[in-house]
C-alpha cells in the first residue's frame, strides 16, 4: 500500500520529470486538452475530423496558413457547478490550439466546415497543382 511518504516521493519525481521534459509531461496519463483528430486525403481533398463535444461553434476558429497548414483553435467552457461539489472532474476545459501540416496547398476559397453531434468535419480541396492529372497519350505519326 502507498503511504504519504510514497506519494511525496512520486510528486518529487514528477516535478523533476516536468523540469526535464517540460510542460507536456504535466498532462501525461491525463485526459488530453487537445481534441482528437483524424486527418486523411484522397485525389481531390484533404479531410479533417475533430472530436469537439461541448464546444460551441462560436468558440472554434479554423485558419489556413501559408496555403498548406491548418490551424484549429478553440475553447471548451467549464460547466458551472453552483450547488454542490465536484466528485470527479476528468474532462479538460480551456483553450486549445493545433496546427497541421497538410502536405499540399489547398484552395482556401473552397474550404468547407460542418459540425454535427460534436464532430467537426473540414474538407480542404487540393490546389490544382497538387491534384493528379491524367496525361493523354497520342499516337506517334
N, C-alpha and C. Protein backbone atom coordinates (compact mmCIF):
# COMPACT_ATOMS: atom_id res chain seq x y z
N UNK A 1 0.83 -1.19 0.00
CA UNK A 1 0.00 0.00 0.00
C UNK A 1 0.87 1.25 0.00
N UNK A 2 0.36 2.29 -0.67
CA UNK A 2 1.08 3.55 -0.66
C UNK A 2 0.78 4.30 0.63
N UNK A 3 1.79 4.97 1.15
CA UNK A 3 1.57 5.86 2.29
C UNK A 3 1.92 7.28 1.86
N UNK A 4 1.79 8.22 2.79
CA UNK A 4 2.06 9.63 2.45
C UNK A 4 3.48 9.84 1.96
N UNK A 5 4.44 9.09 2.51
CA UNK A 5 5.83 9.22 2.10
C UNK A 5 6.00 8.80 0.64
N UNK A 6 5.34 7.72 0.25
CA UNK A 6 5.43 7.25 -1.14
C UNK A 6 4.86 8.28 -2.10
N UNK A 7 3.73 8.91 -1.76
CA UNK A 7 3.13 9.93 -2.62
C UNK A 7 4.02 11.16 -2.70
N UNK A 8 4.69 11.51 -1.61
CA UNK A 8 5.61 12.64 -1.63
C UNK A 8 6.77 12.36 -2.57
N UNK A 9 7.29 11.12 -2.56
CA UNK A 9 8.37 10.75 -3.47
C UNK A 9 7.90 10.79 -4.93
N UNK A 10 6.70 10.31 -5.19
CA UNK A 10 6.14 10.35 -6.54
C UNK A 10 6.00 11.80 -7.02
N UNK A 11 5.52 12.68 -6.14
CA UNK A 11 5.37 14.09 -6.51
C UNK A 11 6.72 14.74 -6.80
N UNK A 12 7.76 14.40 -6.02
CA UNK A 12 9.10 14.93 -6.28
C UNK A 12 9.61 14.43 -7.64
N UNK A 13 9.40 13.15 -7.93
CA UNK A 13 9.81 12.58 -9.21
C UNK A 13 9.09 13.28 -10.35
N UNK A 14 7.79 13.48 -10.20
CA UNK A 14 7.01 14.17 -11.23
C UNK A 14 7.55 15.57 -11.47
N UNK A 15 7.87 16.29 -10.40
CA UNK A 15 8.44 17.65 -10.54
C UNK A 15 9.75 17.62 -11.31
N UNK A 16 10.60 16.64 -11.01
CA UNK A 16 11.88 16.52 -11.71
C UNK A 16 11.65 16.20 -13.19
N UNK A 17 10.69 15.32 -13.49
CA UNK A 17 10.39 14.99 -14.88
C UNK A 17 9.84 16.19 -15.64
N UNK A 18 9.01 17.00 -14.98
CA UNK A 18 8.48 18.21 -15.61
C UNK A 18 9.61 19.19 -15.93
N UNK A 19 10.59 19.28 -15.03
CA UNK A 19 11.74 20.14 -15.29
C UNK A 19 12.53 19.63 -16.50
N UNK A 20 12.70 18.33 -16.57
CA UNK A 20 13.49 17.73 -17.65
C UNK A 20 12.77 17.74 -18.99
N UNK A 21 11.47 17.43 -18.99
CA UNK A 21 10.74 17.24 -20.25
C UNK A 21 9.78 18.37 -20.58
N UNK A 22 9.62 19.34 -19.71
CA UNK A 22 8.77 20.48 -20.00
C UNK A 22 7.32 20.25 -19.61
N UNK A 23 6.49 21.20 -20.00
CA UNK A 23 5.10 21.21 -19.56
C UNK A 23 4.28 20.08 -20.15
N UNK A 24 4.73 19.45 -21.29
CA UNK A 24 3.97 18.36 -21.88
C UNK A 24 3.81 17.21 -20.89
N UNK A 25 4.77 17.06 -20.00
CA UNK A 25 4.72 15.95 -19.06
C UNK A 25 3.62 16.15 -18.03
N UNK A 26 3.18 17.38 -17.81
CA UNK A 26 2.17 17.66 -16.80
C UNK A 26 0.86 16.94 -17.07
N UNK A 27 0.55 16.72 -18.34
CA UNK A 27 -0.72 16.07 -18.68
C UNK A 27 -0.54 14.60 -19.02
N UNK A 28 0.67 14.05 -18.84
CA UNK A 28 0.89 12.65 -19.16
C UNK A 28 0.00 11.78 -18.29
N UNK A 29 -0.73 10.87 -18.93
CA UNK A 29 -1.61 9.98 -18.20
C UNK A 29 -2.96 10.60 -17.87
N UNK A 30 -3.18 11.83 -18.27
CA UNK A 30 -4.44 12.52 -18.01
C UNK A 30 -5.19 12.68 -19.33
N UNK A 31 -6.43 13.07 -19.21
CA UNK A 31 -7.20 13.37 -20.43
C UNK A 31 -6.50 14.50 -21.17
N UNK A 32 -6.47 14.43 -22.47
CA UNK A 32 -5.77 15.42 -23.27
C UNK A 32 -6.61 16.67 -23.44
N UNK A 33 -5.96 17.82 -23.38
CA UNK A 33 -6.63 19.08 -23.63
C UNK A 33 -6.92 19.26 -25.11
N UNK A 34 -6.07 18.67 -25.95
CA UNK A 34 -6.22 18.80 -27.39
C UNK A 34 -7.31 17.85 -27.88
N UNK A 35 -8.13 18.32 -28.83
CA UNK A 35 -9.13 17.40 -29.38
C UNK A 35 -8.47 16.30 -30.20
N UNK A 36 -9.07 15.13 -30.19
CA UNK A 36 -8.59 14.03 -31.02
C UNK A 36 -9.00 14.32 -32.46
N UNK A 37 -8.08 14.03 -33.39
CA UNK A 37 -8.27 14.41 -34.79
C UNK A 37 -7.91 13.25 -35.71
N UNK A 38 -8.67 13.09 -36.77
CA UNK A 38 -8.33 12.22 -37.89
C UNK A 38 -8.05 13.14 -39.08
N UNK A 39 -6.99 12.85 -39.82
CA UNK A 39 -6.61 13.66 -40.98
C UNK A 39 -6.23 12.69 -42.11
N UNK A 40 -6.87 12.84 -43.28
CA UNK A 40 -6.59 11.96 -44.41
C UNK A 40 -6.83 12.72 -45.70
N UNK A 41 -6.47 12.11 -46.84
CA UNK A 41 -6.68 12.77 -48.13
C UNK A 41 -7.02 11.75 -49.20
N UNK A 42 -7.62 12.27 -50.26
CA UNK A 42 -7.82 11.48 -51.47
C UNK A 42 -7.27 12.31 -52.62
N UNK A 43 -7.61 11.99 -53.85
CA UNK A 43 -7.07 12.70 -55.01
C UNK A 43 -7.52 14.16 -55.06
N UNK A 44 -8.67 14.47 -54.49
CA UNK A 44 -9.25 15.81 -54.62
C UNK A 44 -9.10 16.70 -53.38
N UNK A 45 -9.16 16.11 -52.19
CA UNK A 45 -9.25 16.91 -50.97
C UNK A 45 -8.43 16.32 -49.82
N UNK A 46 -8.18 17.19 -48.84
CA UNK A 46 -7.66 16.77 -47.54
C UNK A 46 -8.84 16.91 -46.58
N UNK A 47 -9.01 15.93 -45.70
CA UNK A 47 -10.14 15.92 -44.78
C UNK A 47 -9.64 15.92 -43.34
N UNK A 48 -10.34 16.65 -42.50
CA UNK A 48 -10.05 16.65 -41.07
C UNK A 48 -11.36 16.41 -40.33
N UNK A 49 -11.28 15.56 -39.33
CA UNK A 49 -12.42 15.30 -38.45
C UNK A 49 -11.90 15.44 -37.03
N UNK A 50 -12.54 16.28 -36.22
CA UNK A 50 -12.09 16.53 -34.86
C UNK A 50 -13.23 16.31 -33.87
N UNK A 51 -12.91 15.67 -32.74
CA UNK A 51 -13.88 15.47 -31.68
C UNK A 51 -13.94 16.73 -30.82
N UNK A 52 -15.09 17.39 -30.83
CA UNK A 52 -15.26 18.64 -30.08
C UNK A 52 -16.57 18.65 -29.30
N UNK A 53 -16.86 17.61 -28.52
CA UNK A 53 -18.12 17.62 -27.77
C UNK A 53 -18.14 18.77 -26.76
N UNK A 54 -19.27 19.43 -26.69
CA UNK A 54 -19.43 20.51 -25.73
C UNK A 54 -18.81 21.83 -26.13
N UNK A 55 -18.24 21.91 -27.33
CA UNK A 55 -17.63 23.16 -27.79
C UNK A 55 -18.64 23.88 -28.68
N UNK A 56 -18.88 25.15 -28.40
CA UNK A 56 -19.81 25.96 -29.18
C UNK A 56 -19.17 26.37 -30.50
N UNK A 57 -19.97 26.44 -31.56
CA UNK A 57 -19.46 26.85 -32.87
C UNK A 57 -18.73 28.18 -32.81
N UNK A 58 -19.26 29.13 -32.05
CA UNK A 58 -18.63 30.45 -31.99
C UNK A 58 -17.29 30.44 -31.24
N UNK A 59 -16.96 29.32 -30.60
CA UNK A 59 -15.69 29.20 -29.88
C UNK A 59 -14.64 28.42 -30.67
N UNK A 60 -14.91 28.14 -31.96
CA UNK A 60 -13.98 27.40 -32.81
C UNK A 60 -13.49 28.33 -33.93
N UNK A 61 -12.19 28.25 -34.20
CA UNK A 61 -11.60 29.02 -35.30
C UNK A 61 -10.77 28.08 -36.16
N UNK A 62 -10.97 28.17 -37.48
CA UNK A 62 -10.21 27.37 -38.45
C UNK A 62 -9.55 28.35 -39.40
N UNK A 63 -8.21 28.23 -39.55
CA UNK A 63 -7.46 29.14 -40.41
C UNK A 63 -6.50 28.33 -41.26
N UNK A 64 -6.47 28.63 -42.57
CA UNK A 64 -5.46 28.03 -43.46
C UNK A 64 -4.27 28.97 -43.45
N UNK A 65 -3.09 28.42 -43.09
CA UNK A 65 -1.86 29.20 -43.00
C UNK A 65 -0.92 28.82 -44.14
N UNK A 66 -0.36 29.80 -44.81
CA UNK A 66 0.65 29.59 -45.84
C UNK A 66 0.21 28.59 -46.91
N UNK A 67 -1.10 28.36 -47.04
CA UNK A 67 -1.62 27.51 -48.09
C UNK A 67 -1.54 26.02 -47.85
N UNK A 68 -0.67 25.57 -46.91
CA UNK A 68 -0.51 24.14 -46.70
C UNK A 68 -0.54 23.73 -45.23
N UNK A 69 -1.04 24.60 -44.38
CA UNK A 69 -1.17 24.29 -42.96
C UNK A 69 -2.56 24.69 -42.49
N UNK A 70 -3.07 23.94 -41.53
CA UNK A 70 -4.38 24.23 -40.98
C UNK A 70 -4.25 24.46 -39.48
N UNK A 71 -4.78 25.57 -39.02
CA UNK A 71 -4.80 25.90 -37.60
C UNK A 71 -6.21 25.67 -37.09
N UNK A 72 -6.33 24.85 -36.05
CA UNK A 72 -7.61 24.61 -35.38
C UNK A 72 -7.45 25.09 -33.96
N UNK A 73 -8.25 26.06 -33.58
CA UNK A 73 -8.17 26.54 -32.20
C UNK A 73 -9.57 26.78 -31.68
N UNK A 74 -9.68 26.75 -30.38
CA UNK A 74 -10.99 26.95 -29.78
C UNK A 74 -10.92 26.97 -28.27
N UNK A 75 -12.10 26.88 -27.70
CA UNK A 75 -12.21 26.96 -26.25
C UNK A 75 -13.37 26.08 -25.80
N UNK A 76 -13.11 25.26 -24.81
CA UNK A 76 -14.14 24.42 -24.20
C UNK A 76 -14.41 25.02 -22.82
N UNK A 77 -15.65 25.50 -22.63
CA UNK A 77 -16.01 26.14 -21.36
C UNK A 77 -16.32 25.11 -20.29
N UNK A 78 -15.89 25.41 -19.08
CA UNK A 78 -16.14 24.53 -17.95
C UNK A 78 -17.55 24.80 -17.43
N UNK A 79 -18.33 23.74 -17.20
CA UNK A 79 -19.68 23.95 -16.69
C UNK A 79 -19.62 24.51 -15.25
N UNK A 80 -20.56 25.37 -14.97
CA UNK A 80 -20.63 25.95 -13.63
C UNK A 80 -21.39 25.00 -12.70
N UNK A 81 -20.80 24.71 -11.58
CA UNK A 81 -21.47 23.93 -10.55
C UNK A 81 -21.73 24.90 -9.42
N UNK A 82 -22.96 25.39 -9.38
CA UNK A 82 -23.28 26.40 -8.37
C UNK A 82 -23.73 25.79 -7.05
N UNK A 83 -24.46 24.69 -7.14
CA UNK A 83 -24.91 24.00 -5.93
C UNK A 83 -24.23 22.64 -5.89
N UNK A 84 -23.44 22.42 -4.88
CA UNK A 84 -22.80 21.13 -4.75
C UNK A 84 -21.30 21.21 -4.95
N UNK A 85 -20.68 20.05 -4.96
CA UNK A 85 -19.23 19.95 -5.08
C UNK A 85 -18.89 18.85 -6.08
N UNK A 86 -17.77 19.03 -6.76
CA UNK A 86 -17.32 18.02 -7.71
C UNK A 86 -16.99 16.73 -6.98
N UNK A 87 -17.41 15.61 -7.53
CA UNK A 87 -16.99 14.29 -7.06
C UNK A 87 -15.85 13.82 -7.94
N UNK A 88 -15.98 14.07 -9.24
CA UNK A 88 -14.96 13.69 -10.21
C UNK A 88 -15.00 14.71 -11.33
N UNK A 89 -13.84 15.12 -11.79
CA UNK A 89 -13.75 16.12 -12.86
C UNK A 89 -12.61 15.71 -13.79
N UNK A 90 -12.90 14.85 -14.77
CA UNK A 90 -11.89 14.31 -15.67
C UNK A 90 -11.80 15.05 -17.00
N UNK A 91 -12.85 15.73 -17.40
CA UNK A 91 -12.85 16.41 -18.69
C UNK A 91 -12.06 17.71 -18.59
N UNK A 92 -11.21 17.94 -19.59
CA UNK A 92 -10.42 19.16 -19.61
C UNK A 92 -11.21 20.29 -20.25
N UNK A 93 -10.95 21.47 -19.76
CA UNK A 93 -11.61 22.66 -20.27
C UNK A 93 -10.56 23.73 -20.49
N UNK A 94 -10.90 24.71 -21.29
CA UNK A 94 -9.97 25.80 -21.58
C UNK A 94 -9.69 25.89 -23.06
N UNK A 95 -8.66 26.66 -23.38
CA UNK A 95 -8.31 26.91 -24.78
C UNK A 95 -7.42 25.79 -25.32
N UNK A 96 -7.56 25.54 -26.62
CA UNK A 96 -6.70 24.59 -27.31
C UNK A 96 -6.31 25.18 -28.66
N UNK A 97 -5.19 24.73 -29.19
CA UNK A 97 -4.71 25.19 -30.48
C UNK A 97 -3.82 24.11 -31.07
N UNK A 98 -4.11 23.72 -32.32
CA UNK A 98 -3.31 22.72 -33.02
C UNK A 98 -3.08 23.18 -34.45
N UNK A 99 -1.88 22.94 -34.96
CA UNK A 99 -1.56 23.25 -36.34
C UNK A 99 -1.16 21.95 -37.04
N UNK A 100 -1.70 21.75 -38.24
CA UNK A 100 -1.45 20.54 -39.00
C UNK A 100 -0.80 20.88 -40.34
N UNK A 101 0.28 20.20 -40.67
CA UNK A 101 0.91 20.31 -41.99
C UNK A 101 0.13 19.39 -42.92
N UNK A 102 -0.43 19.93 -43.99
CA UNK A 102 -1.33 19.18 -44.86
C UNK A 102 -0.61 18.40 -45.95
N UNK A 103 0.62 18.74 -46.27
CA UNK A 103 1.35 18.01 -47.30
C UNK A 103 1.13 18.54 -48.70
N UNK A 104 0.22 19.48 -48.86
CA UNK A 104 -0.01 20.12 -50.16
C UNK A 104 -0.78 21.41 -49.92
N UNK A 105 -0.73 22.29 -50.93
CA UNK A 105 -1.50 23.52 -50.82
C UNK A 105 -2.97 23.24 -51.11
N UNK A 106 -3.84 24.06 -50.51
CA UNK A 106 -5.27 23.88 -50.70
C UNK A 106 -5.88 25.15 -51.27
N UNK A 107 -7.05 24.98 -51.90
CA UNK A 107 -7.82 26.12 -52.41
C UNK A 107 -8.60 26.71 -51.24
N UNK A 108 -8.11 27.79 -50.69
CA UNK A 108 -8.68 28.37 -49.47
C UNK A 108 -10.15 28.72 -49.64
N UNK A 109 -10.52 29.26 -50.80
CA UNK A 109 -11.90 29.69 -51.02
C UNK A 109 -12.88 28.51 -51.07
N UNK A 110 -12.39 27.30 -51.28
CA UNK A 110 -13.26 26.13 -51.36
C UNK A 110 -13.39 25.33 -50.08
N UNK A 111 -12.72 25.77 -49.01
CA UNK A 111 -12.75 25.02 -47.75
C UNK A 111 -14.15 25.08 -47.15
N UNK A 112 -14.64 23.93 -46.71
CA UNK A 112 -15.97 23.86 -46.08
C UNK A 112 -15.84 23.14 -44.75
N UNK A 113 -16.57 23.63 -43.76
CA UNK A 113 -16.55 23.02 -42.43
C UNK A 113 -17.98 22.89 -41.91
N UNK A 114 -18.28 21.74 -41.32
CA UNK A 114 -19.58 21.50 -40.71
C UNK A 114 -19.36 20.83 -39.36
N UNK A 115 -20.36 20.94 -38.50
CA UNK A 115 -20.26 20.27 -37.20
C UNK A 115 -21.59 19.63 -36.88
N UNK A 116 -21.53 18.34 -36.47
CA UNK A 116 -22.73 17.61 -36.12
C UNK A 116 -22.39 16.64 -34.99
N UNK A 117 -23.20 16.65 -33.96
CA UNK A 117 -23.04 15.75 -32.81
C UNK A 117 -21.65 15.80 -32.21
N UNK A 118 -21.07 17.00 -32.14
CA UNK A 118 -19.76 17.16 -31.53
C UNK A 118 -18.59 16.78 -32.40
N UNK A 119 -18.84 16.46 -33.69
CA UNK A 119 -17.76 16.15 -34.63
C UNK A 119 -17.64 17.27 -35.65
N UNK A 120 -16.46 17.86 -35.72
CA UNK A 120 -16.17 18.88 -36.72
C UNK A 120 -15.61 18.18 -37.96
N UNK A 121 -16.18 18.48 -39.13
CA UNK A 121 -15.71 17.93 -40.41
C UNK A 121 -15.23 19.09 -41.27
N UNK A 122 -14.00 19.00 -41.75
CA UNK A 122 -13.44 20.04 -42.62
C UNK A 122 -12.97 19.38 -43.91
N UNK A 123 -13.39 19.94 -45.03
CA UNK A 123 -12.97 19.47 -46.36
C UNK A 123 -12.16 20.59 -46.99
N UNK A 124 -10.90 20.28 -47.32
CA UNK A 124 -9.98 21.25 -47.90
C UNK A 124 -9.60 20.79 -49.31
N UNK A 125 -10.19 21.40 -50.35
CA UNK A 125 -9.86 20.99 -51.72
C UNK A 125 -8.39 21.27 -52.03
N UNK A 126 -7.73 20.31 -52.66
CA UNK A 126 -6.32 20.49 -53.03
C UNK A 126 -6.22 21.52 -54.15
N UNK A 127 -5.14 22.29 -54.12
CA UNK A 127 -4.87 23.23 -55.21
C UNK A 127 -4.64 22.44 -56.49
N UNK A 128 -5.00 23.03 -57.62
CA UNK A 128 -4.93 22.33 -58.91
C UNK A 128 -3.55 21.73 -59.16
N UNK A 129 -2.50 22.39 -58.73
CA UNK A 129 -1.14 21.89 -58.97
C UNK A 129 -0.88 20.59 -58.22
N UNK A 130 -1.68 20.28 -57.21
CA UNK A 130 -1.46 19.09 -56.39
C UNK A 130 -2.43 17.96 -56.70
N UNK A 131 -3.36 18.20 -57.61
CA UNK A 131 -4.30 17.15 -57.99
C UNK A 131 -3.69 16.28 -59.08
N UNK A 132 -3.98 14.99 -59.06
CA UNK A 132 -3.46 14.14 -60.12
C UNK A 132 -4.03 14.56 -61.48
N UNK A 133 -3.21 14.47 -62.48
CA UNK A 133 -3.65 14.82 -63.83
C UNK A 133 -3.30 13.67 -64.76
N UNK A 134 -4.32 13.15 -65.41
CA UNK A 134 -4.11 12.05 -66.36
C UNK A 134 -3.57 12.64 -67.65
N UNK A 135 -2.51 12.07 -68.13
CA UNK A 135 -1.88 12.55 -69.36
C UNK A 135 -2.36 11.70 -70.53
N UNK A 136 -2.86 12.38 -71.54
CA UNK A 136 -3.33 11.68 -72.73
C UNK A 136 -2.14 11.30 -73.58
N UNK A 137 -2.13 10.06 -74.04
CA UNK A 137 -1.05 9.58 -74.89
C UNK A 137 -1.55 9.60 -76.33
N UNK A 138 -0.80 10.29 -77.16
CA UNK A 138 -1.18 10.39 -78.58
C UNK A 138 -0.28 9.46 -79.40
N UNK A 139 -0.84 8.89 -80.44
CA UNK A 139 -0.01 8.00 -81.28
C UNK A 139 1.03 8.81 -82.04
N UNK A 140 2.20 8.22 -82.18
CA UNK A 140 3.27 8.87 -82.93
C UNK A 140 2.93 8.76 -84.42
N UNK A 141 3.10 9.79 -85.14
CA UNK A 141 2.69 9.72 -86.53
C UNK A 141 3.67 10.22 -87.44
